[in-house]
PDB file of N, CA and C in Angstrom:
ATOM      1  N   SER A   1     -63.851 -64.572 -76.371  1.00  0.00           N
ATOM      2  CA  SER A   1     -65.085 -63.724 -76.609  1.00  0.00           C
ATOM      3  C   SER A   1     -64.829 -62.220 -76.231  1.00  0.00           C
ATOM      4  N   GLY A   2     -65.230 -61.208 -76.925  1.00  0.00           N
ATOM      5  CA  GLY A   2     -64.981 -59.703 -76.434  1.00  0.00           C
ATOM      6  C   GLY A   2     -65.887 -59.453 -75.551  1.00  0.00           C
ATOM      7  N   VAL A   3     -66.862 -60.106 -74.897  1.00  0.00           N
ATOM      8  CA  VAL A   3     -67.848 -59.446 -74.180  1.00  0.00           C
ATOM      9  C   VAL A   3     -67.293 -59.521 -72.694  1.00  0.00           C
ATOM     10  N   SER A   4     -67.282 -58.487 -71.830  1.00  0.00           N
ATOM     11  CA  SER A   4     -67.026 -58.361 -70.475  1.00  0.00           C
ATOM     12  C   SER A   4     -67.828 -59.244 -69.528  1.00  0.00           C
ATOM     13  N   PRO A   5     -67.404 -59.978 -68.323  1.00  0.00           N
ATOM     14  CA  PRO A   5     -68.359 -60.614 -67.619  1.00  0.00           C
ATOM     15  C   PRO A   5     -69.623 -60.033 -67.264  1.00  0.00           C
ATOM     16  N   HIS A   6     -69.232 -58.485 -66.955  1.00  0.00           N
ATOM     17  CA  HIS A   6     -70.541 -57.674 -66.377  1.00  0.00           C
ATOM     18  C   HIS A   6     -71.488 -57.654 -67.378  1.00  0.00           C
ATOM     19  N   VAL A   7     -71.264 -57.478 -68.551  1.00  0.00           N
ATOM     20  CA  VAL A   7     -72.313 -57.208 -69.675  1.00  0.00           C
ATOM     21  C   VAL A   7     -72.908 -58.617 -69.847  1.00  0.00           C
ATOM     22  N   SER A   8     -72.157 -59.863 -69.676  1.00  0.00           N
ATOM     23  CA  SER A   8     -72.774 -61.114 -69.913  1.00  0.00           C
ATOM     24  C   SER A   8     -73.831 -61.455 -68.748  1.00  0.00           C
ATOM     25  N   LEU A   9     -73.459 -60.912 -67.464  1.00  0.00           N
ATOM     26  CA  LEU A   9     -74.382 -61.079 -66.419  1.00  0.00           C
ATOM     27  C   LEU A   9     -75.500 -60.291 -66.577  1.00  0.00           C
ATOM     28  N   GLN A  10     -75.605 -59.017 -67.177  1.00  0.00           N
ATOM     29  CA  GLN A  10     -76.762 -58.072 -67.305  1.00  0.00           C
ATOM     30  C   GLN A  10     -77.683 -58.904 -68.179  1.00  0.00           C
ATOM     31  N   VAL A  11     -77.070 -59.413 -69.368  1.00  0.00           N
ATOM     32  CA  VAL A  11     -77.955 -60.163 -70.431  1.00  0.00           C
ATOM     33  C   VAL A  11     -78.686 -61.117 -69.751  1.00  0.00           C
ATOM     34  N   GLN A  12     -77.749 -62.048 -69.080  1.00  0.00           N
ATOM     35  CA  GLN A  12     -78.462 -63.177 -68.244  1.00  0.00           C
ATOM     36  C   GLN A  12     -79.584 -62.736 -67.438  1.00  0.00           C
ATOM     37  N   GLY A  13     -79.223 -61.643 -66.740  1.00  0.00           N
ATOM     38  CA  GLY A  13     -80.219 -61.439 -65.695  1.00  0.00           C
ATOM     39  C   GLY A  13     -81.464 -60.773 -66.302  1.00  0.00           C
ATOM     40  N   SER A  14     -81.379 -60.056 -67.495  1.00  0.00           N
ATOM     41  CA  SER A  14     -82.533 -59.671 -68.225  1.00  0.00           C
ATOM     42  C   SER A  14     -83.155 -60.620 -68.928  1.00  0.00           C
ATOM     43  N   THR A  15     -82.494 -61.607 -69.318  1.00  0.00           N
ATOM     44  CA  THR A  15     -83.287 -62.705 -69.963  1.00  0.00           C
ATOM     45  C   THR A  15     -83.977 -63.558 -68.805  1.00  0.00           C
ATOM     46  N   GLY A  16     -83.581 -63.713 -67.580  1.00  0.00           N
ATOM     47  CA  GLY A  16     -84.206 -64.344 -66.456  1.00  0.00           C
ATOM     48  C   GLY A  16     -85.577 -63.410 -66.127  1.00  0.00           C
ATOM     49  N   ALA A  17     -85.132 -62.170 -66.111  1.00  0.00           N
ATOM     50  CA  ALA A  17     -86.356 -61.465 -65.857  1.00  0.00           C
ATOM     51  C   ALA A  17     -87.694 -61.540 -66.890  1.00  0.00           C
ATOM     52  N   LEU A  18     -87.072 -61.512 -68.006  1.00  0.00           N
ATOM     53  CA  LEU A  18     -88.044 -61.549 -69.088  1.00  0.00           C
ATOM     54  C   LEU A  18     -88.715 -62.781 -69.091  1.00  0.00           C
ATOM     55  N   LEU A  19     -87.840 -63.900 -68.866  1.00  0.00           N
ATOM     56  CA  LEU A  19     -88.548 -65.224 -68.630  1.00  0.00           C
ATOM     57  C   LEU A  19     -89.583 -65.349 -67.592  1.00  0.00           C
ATOM     58  N   ARG A  20     -89.174 -64.971 -66.486  1.00  0.00           N
ATOM     59  CA  ARG A  20     -90.075 -64.856 -65.376  1.00  0.00           C
ATOM     60  C   ARG A  20     -91.406 -63.982 -65.652  1.00  0.00           C
ATOM     61  N   GLU A  21     -91.154 -62.795 -66.330  1.00  0.00           N
ATOM     62  CA  GLU A  21     -92.369 -62.023 -66.757  1.00  0.00           C
ATOM     63  C   GLU A  21     -93.208 -62.946 -67.656  1.00  0.00           C
ATOM     64  N   ARG A  22     -92.690 -63.563 -68.488  1.00  0.00           N
ATOM     65  CA  ARG A  22     -93.357 -64.149 -69.638  1.00  0.00           C
ATOM     66  C   ARG A  22     -94.300 -65.153 -68.835  1.00  0.00           C
ATOM     67  N   GLY A  23     -93.365 -65.987 -68.045  1.00  0.00           N
ATOM     68  CA  GLY A  23     -94.427 -67.080 -67.075  1.00  0.00           C
ATOM     69  C   GLY A  23     -95.366 -66.551 -66.374  1.00  0.00           C
ATOM     70  N   GLN A  24     -95.345 -65.232 -65.670  1.00  0.00           N
ATOM     71  CA  GLN A  24     -96.259 -64.591 -65.057  1.00  0.00           C
ATOM     72  C   GLN A  24     -97.542 -64.319 -65.886  1.00  0.00           C
ATOM     73  N   ILE A  25     -97.155 -63.738 -67.073  1.00  0.00           N
ATOM     74  CA  ILE A  25     -98.194 -63.335 -68.122  1.00  0.00           C
ATOM     75  C   ILE A  25     -99.074 -64.510 -68.651  1.00  0.00           C
ATOM     76  N   GLN A  26     -98.202 -65.726 -68.747  1.00  0.00           N
ATOM     77  CA  GLN A  26     -98.897 -66.984 -69.204  1.00  0.00           C
ATOM     78  C   GLN A  26     -99.850 -67.502 -68.142  1.00  0.00           C
ATOM     79  N   SER A  27     -99.270 -67.276 -66.857  1.00  0.00           N
ATOM     80  CA  SER A  27    -100.201 -67.681 -65.713  1.00  0.00           C
ATOM     81  C   SER A  27    -101.439 -66.899 -65.607  1.00  0.00           C
ATOM     82  N   SER A  28    -101.238 -65.616 -65.774  1.00  0.00           N
ATOM     83  CA  SER A  28    -102.628 -64.554 -65.978  1.00  0.00           C
ATOM     84  C   SER A  28    -103.485 -65.109 -66.956  1.00  0.00           C
ATOM     85  N   THR A  29    -102.782 -65.298 -67.984  1.00  0.00           N
ATOM     86  CA  THR A  29    -103.795 -65.595 -69.313  1.00  0.00           C
ATOM     87  C   THR A  29    -104.383 -67.081 -68.984  1.00  0.00           C
ATOM     88  N   ASN A  30    -103.730 -67.870 -68.546  1.00  0.00           N
ATOM     89  CA  ASN A  30    -104.432 -69.200 -67.868  1.00  0.00           C
ATOM     90  C   ASN A  30    -105.729 -68.981 -67.102  1.00  0.00           C
ATOM     91  N   ALA A  31    -105.336 -68.014 -65.827  1.00  0.00           N
ATOM     92  CA  ALA A  31    -106.453 -67.769 -65.132  1.00  0.00           C
ATOM     93  C   ALA A  31    -107.539 -67.133 -65.640  1.00  0.00           C
ATOM     94  N   VAL A  32    -107.300 -66.099 -66.534  1.00  0.00           N
ATOM     95  CA  VAL A  32    -108.444 -65.425 -67.421  1.00  0.00           C
ATOM     96  C   VAL A  32    -109.362 -66.201 -68.102  1.00  0.00           C
ATOM     97  N   ASP A  33    -108.534 -67.441 -68.622  1.00  0.00           N
ATOM     98  CA  ASP A  33    -109.203 -68.372 -69.670  1.00  0.00           C
ATOM     99  C   ASP A  33    -110.140 -69.397 -68.783  1.00  0.00           C
ATOM    100  N   GLU A  34    -109.782 -69.627 -67.434  1.00  0.00           N
ATOM    101  CA  GLU A  34    -110.560 -70.467 -66.553  1.00  0.00           C
ATOM    102  C   GLU A  34    -111.690 -69.591 -66.400  1.00  0.00           C
ATOM    103  N   VAL A  35    -111.663 -68.519 -65.752  1.00  0.00           N
ATOM    104  CA  VAL A  35    -112.750 -67.462 -65.432  1.00  0.00           C
ATOM    105  C   VAL A  35    -113.812 -67.361 -66.606  1.00  0.00           C
ATOM    106  N   LEU A  36    -113.083 -67.267 -67.782  1.00  0.00           N
ATOM    107  CA  LEU A  36    -114.200 -67.080 -68.862  1.00  0.00           C
ATOM    108  C   LEU A  36    -114.840 -68.265 -69.212  1.00  0.00           C
ATOM    109  N   ALA A  37    -114.137 -69.506 -68.873  1.00  0.00           N
ATOM    110  CA  ALA A  37    -114.974 -70.650 -69.238  1.00  0.00           C
ATOM    111  C   ALA A  37    -115.998 -70.811 -68.178  1.00  0.00           C
ATOM    112  N   GLN A  38    -115.705 -70.468 -66.839  1.00  0.00           N
ATOM    113  CA  GLN A  38    -116.707 -70.546 -65.727  1.00  0.00           C
ATOM    114  C   GLN A  38    -118.004 -69.763 -66.167  1.00  0.00           C
ATOM    115  N   ALA A  39    -117.510 -68.409 -66.629  1.00  0.00           N
ATOM    116  CA  ALA A  39    -118.568 -67.611 -66.910  1.00  0.00           C
ATOM    117  C   ALA A  39    -119.611 -68.159 -68.219  1.00  0.00           C
ATOM    118  N   ALA A  40    -118.951 -68.749 -69.192  1.00  0.00           N
ATOM    119  CA  ALA A  40    -119.654 -69.410 -70.244  1.00  0.00           C
ATOM    120  C   ALA A  40    -120.541 -70.472 -69.660  1.00  0.00           C
ATOM    121  N   SER A  41    -119.990 -71.242 -68.802  1.00  0.00           N
ATOM    122  CA  SER A  41    -120.791 -72.340 -68.093  1.00  0.00           C
ATOM    123  C   SER A  41    -122.029 -71.820 -67.261  1.00  0.00           C
ATOM    124  N   VAL A  42    -121.818 -70.880 -66.730  1.00  0.00           N
ATOM    125  CA  VAL A  42    -122.991 -70.186 -65.633  1.00  0.00           C
ATOM    126  C   VAL A  42    -123.935 -69.565 -66.665  1.00  0.00           C
ATOM    127  N   SER A  43    -123.515 -69.000 -67.770  1.00  0.00           N
ATOM    128  CA  SER A  43    -124.363 -68.427 -68.657  1.00  0.00           C
ATOM    129  C   SER A  43    -125.360 -69.432 -69.313  1.00  0.00           C
ATOM    130  N   SER A  44    -124.708 -70.596 -69.786  1.00  0.00           N
ATOM    131  CA  SER A  44    -125.267 -71.669 -70.206  1.00  0.00           C
ATOM    132  C   SER A  44    -126.538 -72.213 -69.360  1.00  0.00           C
ATOM    133  N   ASN A  45    -125.991 -72.454 -68.122  1.00  0.00           N
ATOM    134  CA  ASN A  45    -127.060 -72.780 -67.116  1.00  0.00           C
ATOM    135  C   ASN A  45    -128.100 -71.977 -66.898  1.00  0.00           C
ATOM    136  N   LEU A  46    -127.762 -70.782 -66.809  1.00  0.00           N
ATOM    137  CA  LEU A  46    -128.928 -69.636 -66.595  1.00  0.00           C
ATOM    138  C   LEU A  46    -129.969 -69.832 -67.696  1.00  0.00           C
ATOM    139  N   ILE A  47    -129.147 -69.838 -69.149  1.00  0.00           N
ATOM    140  CA  ILE A  47    -130.238 -69.923 -70.360  1.00  0.00           C
ATOM    141  C   ILE A  47    -131.182 -71.115 -70.174  1.00  0.00           C
ATOM    142  N   GLN A  48    -130.586 -72.401 -69.727  1.00  0.00           N
ATOM    143  CA  GLN A  48    -131.320 -73.585 -69.496  1.00  0.00           C
ATOM    144  C   GLN A  48    -132.292 -73.471 -68.330  1.00  0.00           C
ATOM    145  N   GLN A  49    -131.998 -72.764 -67.215  1.00  0.00           N
ATOM    146  CA  GLN A  49    -133.070 -72.487 -66.307  1.00  0.00           C
ATOM    147  C   GLN A  49    -134.091 -71.482 -66.797  1.00  0.00           C
ATOM    148  N   ARG A  50    -133.758 -70.419 -67.614  1.00  0.00           N
ATOM    149  CA  ARG A  50    -134.869 -69.712 -68.151  1.00  0.00           C
ATOM    150  C   ARG A  50    -135.723 -70.579 -68.953  1.00  0.00           C
ATOM    151  N   HIS A  51    -135.281 -71.414 -69.765  1.00  0.00           N
ATOM    152  CA  HIS A  51    -136.245 -72.039 -70.593  1.00  0.00           C
ATOM    153  C   HIS A  51    -137.041 -73.091 -69.856  1.00  0.00           C
ATOM    154  N   LEU A  52    -136.420 -73.680 -68.781  1.00  0.00           N
ATOM    155  CA  LEU A  52    -137.316 -74.611 -67.601  1.00  0.00           C
ATOM    156  C   LEU A  52    -138.368 -74.014 -67.335  1.00  0.00           C
ATOM    157  N   PHE A  53    -138.027 -72.569 -66.673  1.00  0.00           N
ATOM    158  CA  PHE A  53    -139.091 -71.729 -65.969  1.00  0.00           C
ATOM    159  C   PHE A  53    -140.178 -71.119 -66.872  1.00  0.00           C
ATOM    160  N   THR A  54    -139.588 -70.906 -68.058  1.00  0.00           N
ATOM    161  CA  THR A  54    -140.554 -70.485 -69.251  1.00  0.00           C
ATOM    162  C   THR A  54    -141.740 -71.898 -69.482  1.00  0.00           C
ATOM    163  N   ASN A  55    -141.079 -72.807 -69.544  1.00  0.00           N
ATOM    164  CA  ASN A  55    -142.045 -74.129 -69.950  1.00  0.00           C
ATOM    165  C   ASN A  55    -142.875 -74.323 -68.586  1.00  0.00           C
ATOM    166  N   ILE A  56    -142.474 -74.290 -67.291  1.00  0.00           N
ATOM    167  CA  ILE A  56    -143.175 -74.290 -66.187  1.00  0.00           C
ATOM    168  C   ILE A  56    -144.291 -73.311 -66.159  1.00  0.00           C
ATOM    169  N   THR A  57    -143.841 -72.065 -66.479  1.00  0.00           N
ATOM    170  CA  THR A  57    -145.046 -70.959 -66.515  1.00  0.00           C
ATOM    171  C   THR A  57    -146.170 -71.259 -67.653  1.00  0.00           C
ATOM    172  N   ASP A  58    -145.666 -71.780 -68.955  1.00  0.00           N
ATOM    173  CA  ASP A  58    -146.543 -72.082 -69.786  1.00  0.00           C
ATOM    174  C   ASP A  58    -147.626 -73.238 -69.554  1.00  0.00           C
ATOM    175  N   LYS A  59    -147.072 -74.267 -68.647  1.00  0.00           N
ATOM    176  CA  LYS A  59    -147.868 -75.505 -68.263  1.00  0.00           C
ATOM    177  C   LYS A  59    -148.818 -74.828 -67.297  1.00  0.00           C
ATOM    178  N   VAL A  60    -148.423 -74.233 -66.238  1.00  0.00           N
ATOM    179  CA  VAL A  60    -149.253 -73.321 -65.221  1.00  0.00           C
ATOM    180  C   VAL A  60    -150.390 -72.733 -65.817  1.00  0.00           C
ATOM    181  N   LEU A  61    -150.174 -72.013 -66.734  1.00  0.00           N
ATOM    182  CA  LEU A  61    -151.114 -71.208 -67.390  1.00  0.00           C
ATOM    183  C   LEU A  61    -152.074 -71.965 -68.235  1.00  0.00           C
ATOM    184  N   ALA A  62    -151.453 -72.910 -68.728  1.00  0.00           N
ATOM    185  CA  ALA A  62    -152.450 -73.927 -69.449  1.00  0.00           C
ATOM    186  C   ALA A  62    -153.516 -74.730 -68.645  1.00  0.00           C
ATOM    187  N   VAL A  63    -152.900 -75.006 -67.388  1.00  0.00           N
ATOM    188  CA  VAL A  63    -153.886 -75.752 -66.199  1.00  0.00           C
ATOM    189  C   VAL A  63    -154.909 -74.827 -65.834  1.00  0.00           C
ATOM    190  N   GLY A  64    -154.387 -73.410 -65.663  1.00  0.00           N
ATOM    191  CA  GLY A  64    -155.204 -72.354 -65.340  1.00  0.00           C
ATOM    192  C   GLY A  64    -156.390 -72.163 -66.431  1.00  0.00           C
ATOM    193  N   ALA A  65    -156.031 -72.014 -67.529  1.00  0.00           N
ATOM    194  CA  ALA A  65    -157.200 -71.970 -68.527  1.00  0.00           C
ATOM    195  C   ALA A  65    -158.062 -72.904 -68.495  1.00  0.00           C
ATOM    196  N   ARG A  66    -157.524 -74.419 -68.215  1.00  0.00           N
ATOM    197  CA  ARG A  66    -158.584 -75.465 -68.205  1.00  0.00           C
ATOM    198  C   ARG A  66    -159.464 -75.520 -67.017  1.00  0.00           C
ATOM    199  N   PHE A  67    -159.056 -75.031 -65.933  1.00  0.00           N
ATOM    200  CA  PHE A  67    -159.921 -75.101 -64.628  1.00  0.00           C
ATOM    201  C   PHE A  67    -160.008 -73.697 -63.991  1.00  0.00           C
ATOM    202  N   PRO A  68    -161.296 -73.125 -64.271  1.00  0.00           N
ATOM    203  CA  PRO A  68    -161.455 -71.753 -63.741  1.00  0.00           C
ATOM    204  C   PRO A  68    -160.955 -71.639 -62.095  1.00  0.00           C
ATOM    205  N   VAL A  69    -161.102 -72.571 -61.363  1.00  0.00           N
ATOM    206  CA  VAL A  69    -160.822 -72.343 -60.029  1.00  0.00           C
ATOM    207  C   VAL A  69    -159.242 -72.126 -59.970  1.00  0.00           C
ATOM    208  N   VAL A  70    -158.469 -72.962 -60.717  1.00  0.00           N
ATOM    209  CA  VAL A  70    -157.043 -72.684 -60.661  1.00  0.00           C
ATOM    210  C   VAL A  70    -156.816 -71.281 -61.343  1.00  0.00           C
ATOM    211  N   ASN A  71    -157.537 -71.020 -62.290  1.00  0.00           N
ATOM    212  CA  ASN A  71    -157.245 -69.555 -62.689  1.00  0.00           C
ATOM    213  C   ASN A  71    -157.457 -68.507 -62.124  1.00  0.00           C
ATOM    214  N   GLY A  72    -158.552 -68.780 -61.226  1.00  0.00           N
ATOM    215  CA  GLY A  72    -158.711 -67.551 -60.112  1.00  0.00           C
ATOM    216  C   GLY A  72    -157.953 -67.604 -59.025  1.00  0.00           C
ATOM    217  N   LEU A  73    -157.293 -68.771 -58.693  1.00  0.00           N
ATOM    218  CA  LEU A  73    -155.979 -68.843 -57.917  1.00  0.00           C
ATOM    219  C   LEU A  73    -154.747 -67.974 -58.221  1.00  0.00           C
ATOM    220  N   LEU A  74    -154.537 -68.391 -59.604  1.00  0.00           N
ATOM    221  CA  LEU A  74    -153.434 -67.854 -60.271  1.00  0.00           C
ATOM    222  C   LEU A  74    -153.718 -66.264 -60.248  1.00  0.00           C
ATOM    223  N   ASN A  75    -154.888 -65.745 -60.647  1.00  0.00           N
ATOM    224  CA  ASN A  75    -155.131 -64.069 -60.603  1.00  0.00           C
ATOM    225  C   ASN A  75    -154.890 -63.701 -59.287  1.00  0.00           C
ATOM    226  N   ALA A  76    -155.343 -64.395 -58.341  1.00  0.00           N
ATOM    227  CA  ALA A  76    -155.044 -63.805 -56.788  1.00  0.00           C
ATOM    228  C   ALA A  76    -153.668 -63.722 -56.621  1.00  0.00           C
ATOM    229  N   ILE A  77    -152.970 -64.680 -57.018  1.00  0.00           N
ATOM    230  CA  ILE A  77    -151.472 -64.865 -56.647  1.00  0.00           C
ATOM    231  C   ILE A  77    -150.657 -63.745 -57.522  1.00  0.00           C
ATOM    232  N   ARG A  78    -151.148 -63.478 -58.774  1.00  0.00           N
ATOM    233  CA  ARG A  78    -150.652 -62.331 -59.536  1.00  0.00           C
ATOM    234  C   ARG A  78    -150.767 -61.058 -58.918  1.00  0.00           C
ATOM    235  N   ARG A  79    -152.266 -60.698 -58.391  1.00  0.00           N
ATOM    236  CA  ARG A  79    -152.483 -59.519 -57.737  1.00  0.00           C
ATOM    237  C   ARG A  79    -151.716 -59.268 -56.241  1.00  0.00           C
ATOM    238  N   LYS A  80    -151.485 -60.435 -55.732  1.00  0.00           N
ATOM    239  CA  LYS A  80    -150.736 -60.326 -54.435  1.00  0.00           C
ATOM    240  C   LYS A  80    -149.382 -59.897 -54.849  1.00  0.00           C
ATOM    241  N   LYS A  81    -148.793 -60.522 -55.820  1.00  0.00           N
ATOM    242  CA  LYS A  81    -147.590 -60.374 -56.243  1.00  0.00           C
ATOM    243  C   LYS A  81    -147.151 -58.684 -56.632  1.00  0.00           C
ATOM    244  N   SER A  82    -148.234 -58.347 -57.352  1.00  0.00           N
ATOM    245  CA  SER A  82    -148.194 -56.928 -57.844  1.00  0.00           C
ATOM    246  C   SER A  82    -148.418 -56.003 -56.705  1.00  0.00           C
ATOM    247  N   LYS A  83    -149.153 -56.312 -55.492  1.00  0.00           N
ATOM    248  CA  LYS A  83    -149.139 -55.498 -54.567  1.00  0.00           C
ATOM    249  C   LYS A  83    -147.656 -55.339 -53.797  1.00  0.00           C
ATOM    250  N   ASP A  84    -147.250 -56.667 -53.538  1.00  0.00           N
ATOM    251  CA  ASP A  84    -145.946 -56.664 -52.862  1.00  0.00           C
ATOM    252  C   ASP A  84    -144.862 -55.912 -53.675  1.00  0.00           C
ATOM    253  N   THR A  85    -144.786 -56.187 -55.165  1.00  0.00           N
ATOM    254  CA  THR A  85    -144.078 -55.221 -55.849  1.00  0.00           C
ATOM    255  C   THR A  85    -144.188 -53.867 -55.615  1.00  0.00           C
ATOM    256  N   ILE A  86    -145.407 -53.381 -55.446  1.00  0.00           N
ATOM    257  CA  ILE A  86    -145.514 -51.802 -55.234  1.00  0.00           C
ATOM    258  C   ILE A  86    -145.273 -51.537 -53.970  1.00  0.00           C
ATOM    259  N   VAL A  87    -145.358 -52.163 -52.813  1.00  0.00           N
ATOM    260  CA  VAL A  87    -145.051 -51.995 -51.541  1.00  0.00           C
ATOM    261  C   VAL A  87    -143.541 -51.888 -51.362  1.00  0.00           C
ATOM    262  N   LEU A  88    -142.723 -52.889 -52.053  1.00  0.00           N
ATOM    263  CA  LEU A  88    -141.366 -52.941 -51.925  1.00  0.00           C
ATOM    264  C   LEU A  88    -140.627 -51.693 -52.797  1.00  0.00           C
ATOM    265  N   SER A  89    -141.283 -51.198 -53.782  1.00  0.00           N
ATOM    266  CA  SER A  89    -140.713 -50.038 -54.559  1.00  0.00           C
ATOM    267  C   SER A  89    -140.952 -48.856 -53.850  1.00  0.00           C
ATOM    268  N   ALA A  90    -142.215 -48.715 -53.092  1.00  0.00           N
ATOM    269  CA  ALA A  90    -142.418 -47.751 -52.348  1.00  0.00           C
ATOM    270  C   ALA A  90    -141.332 -47.608 -51.034  1.00  0.00           C
ATOM    271  N   VAL A  91    -141.238 -48.742 -50.418  1.00  0.00           N
ATOM    272  CA  VAL A  91    -140.311 -48.817 -49.347  1.00  0.00           C
ATOM    273  C   VAL A  91    -138.695 -48.299 -49.849  1.00  0.00           C
ATOM    274  N   ILE A  92    -138.315 -48.952 -50.834  1.00  0.00           N
ATOM    275  CA  ILE A  92    -137.202 -48.630 -51.331  1.00  0.00           C
ATOM    276  C   ILE A  92    -136.856 -46.958 -51.862  1.00  0.00           C
ATOM    277  N   GLY A  93    -138.037 -46.509 -52.443  1.00  0.00           N
ATOM    278  CA  GLY A  93    -137.985 -45.131 -52.729  1.00  0.00           C
ATOM    279  C   GLY A  93    -137.859 -44.147 -51.638  1.00  0.00           C
ATOM    280  N   ILE A  94    -138.638 -44.541 -50.464  1.00  0.00           N
ATOM    281  CA  ILE A  94    -138.535 -43.771 -49.310  1.00  0.00           C
ATOM    282  C   ILE A  94    -137.156 -43.893 -48.828  1.00  0.00           C
ATOM    283  N   CYS A  95    -136.825 -45.116 -48.455  1.00  0.00           N
ATOM    284  CA  CYS A  95    -135.430 -45.515 -48.092  1.00  0.00           C
ATOM    285  C   CYS A  95    -134.290 -44.469 -48.631  1.00  0.00           C
ATOM    286  N   THR A  96    -134.515 -44.375 -50.096  1.00  0.00           N
ATOM    287  CA  THR A  96    -133.633 -43.783 -50.983  1.00  0.00           C
ATOM    288  C   THR A  96    -133.776 -42.260 -50.518  1.00  0.00           C
ATOM    289  N   LEU A  97    -134.884 -41.635 -50.493  1.00  0.00           N
ATOM    290  CA  LEU A  97    -135.289 -40.349 -50.310  1.00  0.00           C
ATOM    291  C   LEU A  97    -134.597 -39.985 -49.084  1.00  0.00           C
ATOM    292  N   PHE A  98    -134.866 -40.677 -48.063  1.00  0.00           N
ATOM    293  CA  PHE A  98    -134.350 -40.250 -46.611  1.00  0.00           C
ATOM    294  C   PHE A  98    -132.742 -40.348 -46.641  1.00  0.00           C
ATOM    295  N   THR A  99    -132.215 -41.323 -47.366  1.00  0.00           N
ATOM    296  CA  THR A  99    -130.662 -41.251 -47.508  1.00  0.00           C
ATOM    297  C   THR A  99    -130.128 -40.109 -48.095  1.00  0.00           C
ATOM    298  N   LEU A 100    -130.941 -39.806 -49.156  1.00  0.00           N
ATOM    299  CA  LEU A 100    -130.508 -38.554 -49.837  1.00  0.00           C
ATOM    300  C   LEU A 100    -130.660 -37.221 -48.989  1.00  0.00           C
ATOM    301  N   ILE A 101    -131.726 -37.301 -48.272  1.00  0.00           N
ATOM    302  CA  ILE A 101    -131.848 -36.076 -47.114  1.00  0.00           C
ATOM    303  C   ILE A 101    -130.929 -36.035 -46.138  1.00  0.00           C
ATOM    304  N   TYR A 102    -130.523 -37.285 -45.641  1.00  0.00           N
ATOM    305  CA  TYR A 102    -129.352 -37.295 -44.740  1.00  0.00           C
ATOM    306  C   TYR A 102    -128.162 -36.851 -45.096  1.00  0.00           C
ATOM    307  N   LEU A 103    -127.749 -37.291 -46.313  1.00  0.00           N
ATOM    308  CA  LEU A 103    -126.483 -36.958 -46.870  1.00  0.00           C
ATOM    309  C   LEU A 103    -126.299 -35.353 -47.264  1.00  0.00           C
ATOM    310  N   LEU A 104    -127.304 -34.663 -47.670  1.00  0.00           N
ATOM    311  CA  LEU A 104    -127.550 -33.651 -48.002  1.00  0.00           C
ATOM    312  C   LEU A 104    -127.432 -32.427 -46.841  1.00  0.00           C
ATOM    313  N   ALA A 105    -128.068 -33.224 -45.758  1.00  0.00           N
ATOM    314  CA  ALA A 105    -128.173 -32.345 -44.484  1.00  0.00           C
ATOM    315  C   ALA A 105    -126.834 -32.412 -43.825  1.00  0.00           C
ATOM    316  N   LYS A 106    -125.882 -33.280 -43.924  1.00  0.00           N
ATOM    317  CA  LYS A 106    -124.716 -33.209 -43.319  1.00  0.00           C
ATOM    318  C   LYS A 106    -123.857 -31.853 -43.334  1.00  0.00           C
TER     319      LYS A 106
END
């Protein structure tokens, strides 16, 4: 054959490098496929949980509508939750404001 040994070694080395790169790409593709499958599973589980909590909320509201005492309790819980949300929002806002003032004062 008219190909020098040096050129033959370069071709073999290039082929080996390409094969290694192809293997690495295939490995990365497999890893991405696994992550996507896990994400799809988590998404499915979260959707199921949302339906479950929606059903529970509907049942609790139905019980509250039947019994005025339970309904009053649910309203009290709702008011408390609203107050807690307002207080938490105010604390986060104040902390953010102080952080901005601190950063701008530097």
